[in-house]
Amino acid sequence: MPKNQFERMIFAFLTVLVTVHAYVFYSLYVINGNTFMAVTGENSVLGAINAMGGVSVLGTPVPIWAVVLIEFALAYSLEVLMGSPCSFKLASKIFDPAETHPVIFETAIICATVGLMCPAMSFLAAWLYYPYAAGFNVLTLLANWVKLVCFNFPFAFFSQLFFIQPLIRTAFKCLFRRGAAAQAAA
């Protein structure tokens, strides 16, 4: 798919843009939504988050848009520095890209990326969303990390494999096909 560093950065940007929004929704609404509503007595998740003053990040309530920006910055950095390069290397150790059908090789890259990024981002989330008001305990941090991996991994695997990556690959092909057609016409 991406042929050069610029295209890799765009591909990572598009992937992380969609992924972060999906994970923030999943985390706030699906995993924690009922807890937020029970604690605040609100009848909607958004109302509960607003009643709490936002989402607690490093012990400070911040609005949802700030959560998206923080997670985007962390996920994009991690994807560019570790996720993409390492997942390609891992997939290449198992399959020869020149001899393997592209769908199989892309699936191997997606699986490797999820296997690397899910535990890494869950670890960062364990730090970001730790209940600091109750005091800090490294065992609680590690337990929260394992819990987050258990919640996030199935969602990450299936959403990346069947929704996010096909969407991004289609958008990427359209985006760079138009650029190639415009260059050919010029």
Protein backbone atom coordinates (compact mmCIF):
# COMPACT_ATOMS: atom_id res chain seq x y z
CA MET A 1 0.00 0.00 0.00
CA PRO A 2 2.11 2.99 1.16
CA LYS A 3 5.15 3.27 -1.08
CA ASN A 4 7.23 5.92 0.68
CA GLN A 5 7.63 7.61 4.05
CA PHE A 6 5.13 10.38 3.24
CA GLU A 7 2.47 7.83 2.27
CA ARG A 8 3.21 5.79 5.42
CA MET A 9 2.68 8.91 7.55
CA ILE A 10 -0.63 9.65 5.79
CA PHE A 11 -1.76 6.03 6.14
CA ALA A 12 -0.88 6.07 9.86
CA PHE A 13 -2.66 9.43 10.28
CA LEU A 14 -5.87 8.14 8.68
CA THR A 15 -5.73 4.89 10.65
CA VAL A 16 -5.17 6.61 13.99
CA LEU A 17 -7.80 9.26 13.23
CA VAL A 18 -10.52 6.63 12.83
CA THR A 19 -9.17 4.30 15.51
CA VAL A 20 -8.95 6.89 18.30
CA HIS A 21 -12.53 8.02 17.79
CA ALA A 22 -13.71 4.38 17.82
CA TYR A 23 -11.77 3.61 21.00
CA VAL A 24 -12.86 6.72 22.87
CA PHE A 25 -16.48 5.87 22.04
CA TYR A 26 -15.93 2.21 22.99
CA SER A 27 -14.20 3.07 26.26
CA LEU A 28 -16.54 5.83 27.41
CA TYR A 29 -19.86 4.52 26.17
CA VAL A 30 -19.61 0.74 25.95
CA ILE A 31 -17.24 -0.15 28.80
CA ASN A 32 -17.76 2.70 31.30
CA GLY A 33 -21.08 4.24 30.28
CA ASN A 34 -23.29 2.41 32.77
CA THR A 35 -20.86 3.12 35.61
CA PHE A 36 -20.78 6.82 34.76
CA MET A 37 -24.60 6.96 34.69
CA ALA A 38 -24.91 5.02 37.97
CA VAL A 39 -22.41 7.28 39.77
CA THR A 40 -24.00 10.53 38.60
CA GLY A 41 -27.65 9.51 38.32
CA GLU A 42 -27.80 10.87 34.77
CA ASN A 43 -29.78 9.03 32.10
CA SER A 44 -27.21 9.46 29.31
CA VAL A 45 -23.50 8.81 29.12
CA LEU A 46 -22.76 12.29 27.77
CA GLY A 47 -24.83 13.83 30.55
CA ALA A 48 -22.93 11.74 33.11
CA ILE A 49 -19.55 12.80 31.69
CA ASN A 50 -20.64 16.45 31.75
CA ALA A 51 -21.92 16.05 35.34
CA MET A 52 -18.50 14.67 36.34
CA GLY A 53 -16.82 17.69 34.78
CA GLY A 54 -15.27 15.59 32.03
CA VAL A 55 -13.12 12.47 31.86
CA SER A 56 -10.41 12.11 34.49
CA VAL A 57 -7.00 12.18 32.78
CA LEU A 58 -4.02 12.05 35.14
CA GLY A 59 -6.45 12.92 37.93
CA THR A 60 -7.80 16.06 36.23
CA PRO A 61 -11.21 16.20 34.51
CA VAL A 62 -10.91 17.12 30.82
CA PRO A 63 -13.55 17.37 28.07
CA ILE A 64 -14.00 14.51 25.62
CA TRP A 65 -12.36 16.46 22.77
CA ALA A 66 -9.21 16.75 24.90
CA VAL A 67 -9.25 12.99 25.49
CA VAL A 68 -9.41 12.46 21.73
CA LEU A 69 -6.49 14.86 21.13
CA ILE A 70 -4.33 13.29 23.87
CA GLU A 71 -4.99 9.76 22.67
CA PHE A 72 -4.48 10.79 19.03
CA ALA A 73 -1.05 12.28 19.81
CA LEU A 74 0.03 9.21 21.77
CA ALA A 75 -1.38 6.68 19.30
CA TYR A 76 0.05 8.43 16.23
CA SER A 77 3.49 8.67 17.81
CA LEU A 78 3.40 5.04 18.86
CA GLU A 79 2.09 3.88 15.47
CA VAL A 80 4.77 5.73 13.53
CA LEU A 81 7.66 4.83 15.82
CA MET A 82 6.76 1.25 16.76
CA GLY A 83 3.50 -0.10 15.31
CA SER A 84 4.02 0.17 11.57
CA PRO A 85 7.73 -0.66 11.33
CA CYS A 86 7.63 -3.56 13.78
CA SER A 87 4.42 -5.09 12.45
CA PHE A 88 5.83 -5.17 8.91
CA LYS A 89 9.01 -6.84 10.19
CA LEU A 90 7.03 -9.40 12.19
CA ALA A 91 4.77 -10.23 9.24
CA SER A 92 7.83 -10.49 6.97
CA LYS A 93 9.42 -13.04 9.31
CA ILE A 94 6.45 -15.35 8.78
CA PHE A 95 5.50 -14.55 5.17
CA ASP A 96 7.56 -13.49 2.18
CA PRO A 97 5.84 -10.33 0.87
CA ALA A 98 6.85 -11.11 -2.72
CA GLU A 99 5.39 -14.62 -2.68
CA THR A 100 2.40 -14.24 -0.34
CA HIS A 101 -1.03 -13.15 -1.55
CA PRO A 102 -1.48 -9.46 -0.61
CA VAL A 103 -4.64 -10.12 1.43
CA ILE A 104 -2.83 -12.71 3.57
CA PHE A 105 0.18 -10.45 4.05
CA GLU A 106 -1.97 -7.40 4.91
CA THR A 107 -3.92 -9.53 7.40
CA ALA A 108 -0.64 -10.60 9.02
CA ILE A 109 0.41 -6.95 9.31
CA ILE A 110 -2.95 -6.01 10.87
CA CYS A 111 -2.69 -8.86 13.38
CA ALA A 112 0.89 -7.91 14.28
CA THR A 113 -0.08 -4.25 14.65
CA VAL A 114 -2.96 -5.11 16.99
CA GLY A 115 -0.67 -7.43 18.95
CA LEU A 116 1.81 -4.58 19.48
CA MET A 117 -0.40 -1.51 19.73
CA CYS A 118 -3.16 -2.87 21.98
CA PRO A 119 -0.93 -3.69 24.97
CA ALA A 120 1.14 -0.51 24.43
CA MET A 121 -1.84 1.85 24.22
CA SER A 122 -3.59 0.02 27.06
CA PHE A 123 -0.50 0.60 29.21
CA LEU A 124 -0.56 4.31 28.41
CA ALA A 125 -4.31 4.38 29.13
CA ALA A 126 -3.71 2.64 32.47
CA TRP A 127 -1.47 5.59 33.42
CA LEU A 128 -3.77 8.25 31.96
CA TYR A 129 -7.00 7.00 33.53
CA TYR A 130 -5.60 5.66 36.81
CA PRO A 131 -7.75 6.63 39.83
CA TYR A 132 -5.07 8.86 41.37
CA ALA A 133 -7.48 10.29 43.97
CA ALA A 134 -7.40 6.91 45.75
CA GLY A 135 -3.58 6.93 45.91
CA PHE A 136 -1.10 5.16 43.67
CA ASN A 137 -0.24 1.46 43.77
CA VAL A 138 1.85 -0.20 41.07
CA LEU A 139 -0.09 -3.48 41.44
CA THR A 140 -3.35 -1.61 40.82
CA LEU A 141 -1.76 -0.01 37.74
CA LEU A 142 -0.71 -3.42 36.41
CA ALA A 143 -4.14 -4.91 37.17
CA ASN A 144 -5.80 -1.99 35.33
CA TRP A 145 -3.43 -2.55 32.40
CA VAL A 146 -4.31 -6.25 32.14
CA LYS A 147 -8.02 -5.41 32.45
CA LEU A 148 -7.72 -2.85 29.65
CA VAL A 149 -5.90 -5.31 27.39
CA CYS A 150 -8.64 -7.89 28.02
CA PHE A 151 -11.36 -5.35 27.17
CA ASN A 152 -9.55 -3.74 24.23
CA PHE A 153 -7.92 -6.66 22.43
CA PRO A 154 -11.09 -8.31 21.02
CA PHE A 155 -12.45 -4.92 19.96
CA ALA A 156 -9.10 -3.93 18.45
CA PHE A 157 -8.69 -7.18 16.56
CA PHE A 158 -12.14 -7.33 15.02
CA SER A 159 -12.56 -3.59 14.37
CA GLN A 160 -9.14 -3.32 12.70
CA LEU A 161 -9.48 -6.51 10.68
CA PHE A 162 -13.06 -6.08 9.45
CA PHE A 163 -13.84 -2.37 9.60
CA ILE A 164 -11.07 0.16 10.14
CA GLN A 165 -8.31 -1.22 7.91
CA PRO A 166 -10.59 -2.02 4.95
CA LEU A 167 -12.04 1.50 5.25
CA ILE A 168 -8.62 3.16 5.46
CA ARG A 169 -7.14 1.05 2.66
CA THR A 170 -10.07 1.96 0.40
CA ALA A 171 -9.76 5.66 1.27
CA PHE A 172 -5.99 5.50 0.82
CA LYS A 173 -6.31 3.89 -2.61
CA CYS A 174 -8.84 6.54 -3.70
CA LEU A 175 -6.72 9.37 -2.32
CA PHE A 176 -3.50 8.30 -4.01
CA ARG A 177 -5.13 7.00 -7.20
CA ARG A 178 -6.54 10.50 -7.79
CA GLY A 179 -3.12 12.00 -7.11
CA ALA A 180 -1.51 9.58 -9.58
CA ALA A 181 -4.19 10.32 -12.21
CA ALA A 182 -3.70 14.07 -11.77
CA GLN A 183 0.09 13.70 -12.15
CA ALA A 184 -0.35 11.58 -15.29
CA ALA A 185 -2.67 14.19 -16.82
CA ALA A 186 -0.23 17.03 -16.16
